[in-house]
């Protein structure tokens, strides 16, 4: 008979501990909504502008070289 009483006490104590843990447990899943990703268009545009600027500089240099070559040819033909 005493074992049945002890079993009931232990079960009730286990239930109390379980209920207490359920009350005190913290959520492992974030319930707060995170802020959406907003890329900075200014920074992206700066990178794009820098790339375009370098490409334009290269084209300008190649055009200047071509112009100098043509001027040299024109001068050569005029002197003949």
C-alpha atoms as a PDB file:
ATOM      1  CA  UNK A   1       0.000   0.000   0.000  1.00  0.00           C
ATOM      2  CA  UNK A   2       2.735   2.416   0.771  1.00  0.00           C
ATOM      3  CA  UNK A   3       4.260   1.946  -2.629  1.00  0.00           C
ATOM      4  CA  UNK A   4       1.029   3.081  -4.329  1.00  0.00           C
ATOM      5  CA  UNK A   5       0.986   6.212  -2.192  1.00  0.00           C
ATOM      6  CA  UNK A   6       4.611   6.912  -2.934  1.00  0.00           C
ATOM      7  CA  UNK A   7       4.005   6.344  -6.636  1.00  0.00           C
ATOM      8  CA  UNK A   8       1.164   8.880  -6.623  1.00  0.00           C
ATOM      9  CA  UNK A   9       3.323  11.415  -4.762  1.00  0.00           C
ATOM     10  CA  UNK A  10       6.213  10.942  -7.182  1.00  0.00           C
ATOM     11  CA  UNK A  11       3.913  11.211 -10.191  1.00  0.00           C
ATOM     12  CA  UNK A  12       2.287  14.363  -8.852  1.00  0.00           C
ATOM     13  CA  UNK A  13       5.705  15.825  -8.069  1.00  0.00           C
ATOM     14  CA  UNK A  14       6.907  14.967 -11.577  1.00  0.00           C
ATOM     15  CA  UNK A  15       3.793  16.647 -13.002  1.00  0.00           C
ATOM     16  CA  UNK A  16       4.445  19.772 -10.940  1.00  0.00           C
ATOM     17  CA  UNK A  17       8.041  19.909 -12.112  1.00  0.00           C
ATOM     18  CA  UNK A  18       6.897  19.427 -15.691  1.00  0.00           C
ATOM     19  CA  UNK A  19       4.287  22.193 -15.427  1.00  0.00           C
ATOM     20  CA  UNK A  20       6.836  24.519 -13.824  1.00  0.00           C
ATOM     21  CA  UNK A  21       9.321  23.879 -16.630  1.00  0.00           C
ATOM     22  CA  UNK A  22       6.627  24.542 -19.206  1.00  0.00           C
ATOM     23  CA  UNK A  23       5.847  27.874 -17.544  1.00  0.00           C
ATOM     24  CA  UNK A  24       9.489  28.924 -17.310  1.00  0.00           C
ATOM     25  CA  UNK A  25      10.827  27.639 -20.601  1.00  0.00           C
ATOM     26  CA  UNK A  26      11.925  30.216 -23.151  1.00  0.00           C
ATOM     27  CA  UNK A  27      11.044  29.857 -26.768  1.00  0.00           C
ATOM     28  CA  UNK A  28      13.767  28.493 -29.026  1.00  0.00           C
ATOM     29  CA  UNK A  29      12.049  29.985 -32.072  1.00  0.00           C
ATOM     30  CA  UNK A  30      12.252  33.707 -32.689  1.00  0.00           C
ATOM     31  CA  UNK A  31       8.770  35.106 -32.635  1.00  0.00           C
ATOM     32  CA  UNK A  32       9.748  38.656 -33.529  1.00  0.00           C
ATOM     33  CA  UNK A  33       9.470  39.559 -37.169  1.00  0.00           C
ATOM     34  CA  UNK A  34      12.814  40.561 -38.598  1.00  0.00           C
ATOM     35  CA  UNK A  35      13.146  43.739 -40.608  1.00  0.00           C
ATOM     36  CA  UNK A  36      13.074  43.202 -44.363  1.00  0.00           C
ATOM     37  CA  UNK A  37      16.250  43.627 -46.385  1.00  0.00           C
ATOM     38  CA  UNK A  38      16.516  47.086 -47.925  1.00  0.00           C
ATOM     39  CA  UNK A  39      19.636  47.418 -50.045  1.00  0.00           C
ATOM     40  CA  UNK A  40      21.298  50.792 -50.126  1.00  0.00           C
ATOM     41  CA  UNK A  41      20.781  52.028 -53.711  1.00  0.00           C
ATOM     42  CA  UNK A  42      23.268  54.855 -53.234  1.00  0.00           C
ATOM     43  CA  UNK A  43      26.127  52.470 -52.480  1.00  0.00           C
ATOM     44  CA  UNK A  44      25.150  50.207 -55.364  1.00  0.00           C
ATOM     45  CA  UNK A  45      24.924  53.168 -57.715  1.00  0.00           C
ATOM     46  CA  UNK A  46      28.334  54.417 -56.585  1.00  0.00           C
ATOM     47  CA  UNK A  47      29.872  51.092 -57.519  1.00  0.00           C
ATOM     48  CA  UNK A  48      28.098  51.104 -60.864  1.00  0.00           C
ATOM     49  CA  UNK A  49      29.168  54.693 -61.536  1.00  0.00           C
ATOM     50  CA  UNK A  50      32.764  53.871 -60.658  1.00  0.00           C
ATOM     51  CA  UNK A  51      32.733  50.946 -63.080  1.00  0.00           C
ATOM     52  CA  UNK A  52      31.200  53.070 -65.837  1.00  0.00           C
ATOM     53  CA  UNK A  53      33.714  55.821 -65.191  1.00  0.00           C
ATOM     54  CA  UNK A  54      36.653  53.428 -65.511  1.00  0.00           C
ATOM     55  CA  UNK A  55      35.195  51.991 -68.734  1.00  0.00           C
ATOM     56  CA  UNK A  56      34.700  55.467 -70.156  1.00  0.00           C
ATOM     57  CA  UNK A  57      38.258  56.441 -69.235  1.00  0.00           C
ATOM     58  CA  UNK A  58      39.574  53.402 -71.088  1.00  0.00           C
ATOM     59  CA  UNK A  59      37.475  54.242 -74.151  1.00  0.00           C
ATOM     60  CA  UNK A  60      38.621  57.860 -74.014  1.00  0.00           C
ATOM     61  CA  UNK A  61      42.254  56.806 -73.867  1.00  0.00           C
ATOM     62  CA  UNK A  62      41.790  54.469 -76.843  1.00  0.00           C
ATOM     63  CA  UNK A  63      40.043  57.251 -78.799  1.00  0.00           C
ATOM     64  CA  UNK A  64      42.853  59.661 -77.998  1.00  0.00           C
ATOM     65  CA  UNK A  65      45.398  57.107 -79.200  1.00  0.00           C
ATOM     66  CA  UNK A  66      43.434  56.564 -82.414  1.00  0.00           C
ATOM     67  CA  UNK A  67      43.199  60.331 -82.952  1.00  0.00           C
ATOM     68  CA  UNK A  68      46.946  60.750 -82.504  1.00  0.00           C
ATOM     69  CA  UNK A  69      47.609  57.968 -85.022  1.00  0.00           C
ATOM     70  CA  UNK A  70      45.269  59.584 -87.549  1.00  0.00           C
ATOM     71  CA  UNK A  71      46.899  62.990 -87.034  1.00  0.00           C
ATOM     72  CA  UNK A  72      50.287  61.389 -87.604  1.00  0.00           C
ATOM     73  CA  UNK A  73      49.085  59.795 -90.845  1.00  0.00           C
ATOM     74  CA  UNK A  74      47.559  63.074 -92.035  1.00  0.00           C
ATOM     75  CA  UNK A  75      50.783  64.962 -91.326  1.00  0.00           C
ATOM     76  CA  UNK A  76      52.788  62.231 -93.088  1.00  0.00           C
ATOM     77  CA  UNK A  77      50.591  62.431 -96.229  1.00  0.00           C
ATOM     78  CA  UNK A  78      50.681  66.238 -96.289  1.00  0.00           C
ATOM     79  CA  UNK A  79      54.451  66.333 -96.116  1.00  0.00           C
ATOM     80  CA  UNK A  80      54.820  64.124 -99.183  1.00  0.00           C
END
